[in-house]
Amino acid sequence: MKHILLTIALVSCLTSFSVTAESPSEVKEKCLKGGVFQKAAAKGDIALVQSCIEAGTPVDSVEGNGWTSLHAAAFSGQGEVVLWLLKSGADRTLKDKNGKTPLDLANSNKHQIMIDLLSDAKAKTLTTTDPKVLEIAEALRYELNNYGATSSDDSIDRQIVKILHIKTVQSDSASQTYSIRVKFKTGVFFEGSDEVTYEGLVLEDAQGRFTVSEYDLVDA
């Protein structure tokens, strides 16, 4: 019952204000007042949600009952808003004052699309010890060995020494993008080897294929 009453409040008419001709700080202040940010998410007002975030409103800010904008959008079945919030870094694991996550709220209303978006196994938090992470690191290694600046020298090979960092930076129903940092052993055969660290962005498509979009040599 609490959720029903809260939803009625969230989907009620938004406090009228124009974001044009206002400074980012003014927009942010209004977005944070009276749950305007969460109401916009519940109503599916993607333009206002985007304006709030672009003005600096924390994507995981909460209203009185502990609902984030992702809670509100998930409960109300606003798929476009849920996708945009997830791309903006919204934390799907946060709980409201009743201990409910956005996925719990989507389940309570049987919003199957919301359930699929929020429970997507491919979008879970990765650690450097996950088997899948080695595949991502191997994709970066293959790119460096075959298309890197020194790939024309067949005597140079890079071997993975350690995966230092992995993070999902973008996730939707069609693809995932990962940021990965890997330490490699590299060198010319018979002349010793050195250790170098690369950071790259790796795209995984819906078929599970990996493509490296960019990479840089970084300090370890």
Protein backbone atom coordinates (compact mmCIF):
# COMPACT_ATOMS: atom_id res chain seq x y z
CA MET A 1 0.00 0.00 0.00
CA LYS A 2 2.85 2.35 0.81
CA HIS A 3 4.30 1.75 -2.64
CA ILE A 4 0.95 2.47 -4.32
CA LEU A 5 0.52 5.74 -2.44
CA LEU A 6 4.11 6.72 -3.15
CA THR A 7 3.67 5.98 -6.85
CA ILE A 8 0.53 8.11 -7.02
CA ALA A 9 2.55 10.96 -5.56
CA LEU A 10 5.46 10.38 -7.95
CA VAL A 11 3.35 10.31 -11.11
CA SER A 12 1.35 13.38 -10.10
CA CYS A 13 1.88 16.55 -12.10
CA LEU A 14 5.42 17.83 -11.85
CA THR A 15 6.10 21.16 -10.26
CA SER A 16 6.15 23.47 -13.25
CA PHE A 17 9.43 25.08 -14.03
CA SER A 18 11.48 25.84 -17.11
CA VAL A 19 15.06 24.65 -17.38
CA THR A 20 15.86 27.07 -20.15
CA ALA A 21 17.53 30.33 -19.16
CA GLU A 22 18.41 28.92 -15.76
CA SER A 23 21.90 28.19 -14.50
CA PRO A 24 22.91 24.57 -13.85
CA SER A 25 22.98 25.23 -10.11
CA GLU A 26 19.40 26.54 -10.22
CA VAL A 27 18.22 23.54 -12.23
CA LYS A 28 19.98 21.16 -9.84
CA GLU A 29 18.40 22.85 -6.81
CA LYS A 30 14.92 22.49 -8.29
CA CYS A 31 15.51 18.88 -9.33
CA LEU A 32 16.48 17.98 -5.77
CA LYS A 33 13.50 19.77 -4.20
CA GLY A 34 10.30 17.84 -3.51
CA GLY A 35 11.36 14.72 -5.38
CA VAL A 36 11.12 16.43 -8.78
CA PHE A 37 13.90 14.23 -10.18
CA GLN A 38 12.17 11.02 -9.09
CA LYS A 39 8.76 12.28 -10.28
CA ALA A 40 10.22 12.97 -13.72
CA ALA A 41 11.59 9.42 -13.88
CA ALA A 42 8.25 7.94 -12.79
CA LYS A 43 6.37 9.98 -15.39
CA GLY A 44 8.81 9.05 -18.18
CA ASP A 45 9.93 12.65 -18.72
CA ILE A 46 13.31 11.74 -20.21
CA ALA A 47 14.06 15.35 -21.18
CA LEU A 48 13.73 16.54 -17.58
CA VAL A 49 15.68 13.57 -16.24
CA GLN A 50 18.52 14.37 -18.64
CA SER A 51 18.41 18.08 -17.76
CA CYS A 52 18.64 17.26 -14.06
CA ILE A 53 21.66 14.99 -14.52
CA GLU A 54 23.40 17.37 -16.92
CA ALA A 55 22.96 20.10 -14.31
CA GLY A 56 24.82 17.98 -11.77
CA THR A 57 22.01 16.22 -9.93
CA PRO A 58 23.45 12.99 -8.49
CA VAL A 59 21.91 10.11 -10.43
CA ASP A 60 21.41 8.13 -7.20
CA SER A 61 19.94 10.96 -5.13
CA VAL A 62 16.92 9.86 -3.07
CA GLU A 63 13.58 11.30 -1.99
CA GLY A 64 11.97 10.88 1.40
CA ASN A 65 11.23 7.17 1.15
CA GLY A 66 14.67 6.30 -0.15
CA TRP A 67 13.66 5.97 -3.78
CA THR A 68 16.21 6.88 -6.43
CA SER A 69 15.10 7.89 -9.91
CA LEU A 70 15.82 4.29 -10.95
CA HIS A 71 13.41 2.99 -8.29
CA ALA A 72 10.73 5.35 -9.59
CA ALA A 73 11.25 4.50 -13.26
CA ALA A 74 11.40 0.75 -12.59
CA PHE A 75 8.20 0.76 -10.53
CA SER A 76 6.34 2.79 -13.17
CA GLY A 77 7.62 0.76 -16.14
CA GLN A 78 9.51 3.58 -17.84
CA GLY A 79 11.94 1.57 -19.95
CA GLU A 80 13.57 4.46 -21.82
CA VAL A 81 14.29 6.23 -18.55
CA VAL A 82 15.66 3.06 -16.94
CA LEU A 83 18.05 2.53 -19.86
CA TRP A 84 19.22 6.15 -19.78
CA LEU A 85 19.76 6.06 -16.01
CA LEU A 86 21.76 2.83 -16.23
CA LYS A 87 23.94 4.36 -18.96
CA SER A 88 24.43 7.35 -16.67
CA GLY A 89 25.78 5.11 -13.91
CA ALA A 90 22.70 4.55 -11.73
CA ASP A 91 23.26 1.90 -9.07
CA ARG A 92 20.70 -0.88 -9.50
CA THR A 93 21.62 -2.44 -6.12
CA LEU A 94 20.53 0.46 -3.88
CA LYS A 95 17.65 -0.26 -1.49
CA ASP A 96 14.86 2.06 -0.36
CA LYS A 97 13.67 2.41 3.25
CA ASN A 98 11.69 -0.82 2.88
CA GLY A 99 14.76 -2.72 1.71
CA LYS A 100 13.60 -2.86 -1.92
CA THR A 101 15.86 -2.51 -4.98
CA PRO A 102 14.60 -1.21 -8.33
CA LEU A 103 14.42 -4.84 -9.51
CA ASP A 104 12.22 -5.74 -6.53
CA LEU A 105 9.82 -2.94 -7.46
CA ALA A 106 9.75 -4.02 -11.11
CA ASN A 107 8.94 -7.55 -9.98
CA SER A 108 6.13 -6.32 -7.74
CA ASN A 109 4.39 -4.79 -10.76
CA LYS A 110 5.39 -7.58 -13.16
CA HIS A 111 7.09 -5.16 -15.57
CA GLN A 112 8.93 -7.84 -17.56
CA ILE A 113 10.99 -5.45 -19.67
CA MET A 114 12.16 -3.66 -16.51
CA ILE A 115 12.96 -7.03 -14.94
CA ASP A 116 15.05 -8.02 -17.98
CA LEU A 117 16.94 -4.72 -17.98
CA LEU A 118 17.68 -4.73 -14.27
CA SER A 119 18.53 -8.41 -13.90
CA ASP A 120 20.73 -8.64 -17.02
CA ALA A 121 23.53 -10.99 -15.96
CA LYS A 122 25.92 -9.40 -18.45
CA ALA A 123 25.58 -6.08 -16.65
CA LYS A 124 26.61 -7.38 -13.24
CA THR A 125 29.63 -6.04 -11.45
CA LEU A 126 32.77 -7.76 -12.71
CA THR A 127 35.91 -8.57 -10.76
CA THR A 128 39.40 -9.25 -12.07
CA THR A 129 39.02 -12.94 -11.16
CA ASP A 130 35.89 -13.58 -13.25
CA PRO A 131 36.54 -15.99 -16.17
CA LYS A 132 34.83 -13.58 -18.55
CA VAL A 133 37.34 -10.87 -17.66
CA LEU A 134 40.16 -13.01 -19.06
CA GLU A 135 38.30 -13.11 -22.38
CA ILE A 136 38.11 -9.32 -22.35
CA ALA A 137 41.82 -9.07 -21.54
CA GLU A 138 42.60 -11.54 -24.34
CA ALA A 139 40.67 -9.32 -26.77
CA LEU A 140 42.92 -6.41 -25.81
CA ARG A 141 46.03 -8.60 -26.10
CA TYR A 142 44.96 -9.78 -29.58
CA GLU A 143 44.38 -6.18 -30.70
CA LEU A 144 47.81 -5.09 -29.46
CA ASN A 145 49.65 -8.06 -30.96
CA ASN A 146 47.97 -7.84 -34.36
CA TYR A 147 47.13 -4.18 -34.84
CA GLY A 148 49.28 -2.28 -32.32
CA ALA A 149 52.04 0.14 -33.22
CA THR A 150 54.68 -2.62 -33.09
CA SER A 151 52.55 -5.43 -34.53
CA SER A 152 54.58 -5.45 -37.76
CA ASP A 153 57.51 -6.89 -35.82
CA ASP A 154 56.66 -10.61 -35.59
CA SER A 155 59.26 -11.11 -32.85
CA ILE A 156 57.27 -9.01 -30.37
CA ASP A 157 54.57 -10.67 -28.34
CA ARG A 158 52.57 -9.53 -25.33
CA GLN A 159 51.57 -11.94 -22.59
CA ILE A 160 49.10 -11.13 -19.83
CA VAL A 161 50.79 -10.75 -16.45
CA LYS A 162 47.93 -9.35 -14.37
CA ILE A 163 44.47 -7.84 -14.85
CA LEU A 164 44.58 -4.68 -12.74
CA HIS A 165 41.10 -3.24 -13.17
CA ILE A 166 37.77 -3.95 -14.91
CA LYS A 167 34.60 -1.87 -14.97
CA THR A 168 31.36 -1.87 -16.95
CA VAL A 169 31.07 1.68 -18.29
CA GLN A 170 27.97 1.23 -20.46
CA SER A 171 25.25 -1.39 -20.55
CA ASP A 172 22.03 -1.83 -22.50
CA SER A 173 20.06 -4.67 -24.08
CA ALA A 174 22.26 -4.74 -27.19
CA SER A 175 25.81 -4.32 -25.94
CA GLN A 176 28.17 -3.78 -23.02
CA THR A 177 31.31 -1.63 -22.92
CA TYR A 178 34.11 -2.43 -20.48
CA SER A 179 37.11 -0.42 -19.34
CA ILE A 180 40.00 -2.75 -18.57
CA ARG A 181 43.57 -2.20 -17.44
CA VAL A 182 46.06 -5.01 -18.01
CA LYS A 183 49.75 -5.48 -17.29
CA PHE A 184 51.61 -7.31 -20.08
CA LYS A 185 55.05 -8.83 -20.41
CA THR A 186 56.42 -7.69 -23.72
CA GLY A 187 59.75 -7.84 -25.52
CA VAL A 188 61.78 -9.11 -28.46
CA PHE A 189 62.49 -12.82 -28.29
CA PHE A 190 66.05 -13.63 -27.11
CA GLU A 191 66.52 -10.06 -25.89
CA GLY A 192 64.66 -10.15 -22.58
CA SER A 193 61.32 -8.61 -21.80
CA ASP A 194 59.69 -5.65 -20.08
CA GLU A 195 56.36 -5.11 -18.36
CA VAL A 196 53.95 -2.50 -19.70
CA THR A 197 50.37 -1.56 -18.81
CA TYR A 198 47.58 -0.79 -21.25
CA GLU A 199 44.06 0.45 -20.64
CA GLY A 200 41.40 -0.16 -23.24
CA LEU A 201 37.69 0.05 -23.99
CA VAL A 202 36.23 -3.26 -25.13
CA LEU A 203 32.76 -3.60 -26.64
CA GLU A 204 30.77 -6.83 -26.29
CA ASP A 205 27.87 -7.22 -28.75
CA ALA A 206 24.67 -9.22 -28.27
CA GLN A 207 26.40 -12.35 -29.67
CA GLY A 208 29.19 -12.15 -27.09
CA ARG A 209 31.85 -10.98 -29.56
CA PHE A 210 34.50 -8.53 -28.35
CA THR A 211 35.84 -5.50 -30.22
CA VAL A 212 38.49 -3.11 -28.90
CA SER A 213 37.44 0.48 -29.65
CA GLU A 214 40.50 2.25 -28.18
CA TYR A 215 43.52 1.72 -25.94
CA ASP A 216 46.39 3.65 -24.41
CA LEU A 217 49.74 2.87 -22.81
CA VAL A 218 49.53 4.02 -19.18
CA ASP A 219 51.67 4.15 -16.10
CA ALA A 220 51.23 1.05 -13.92
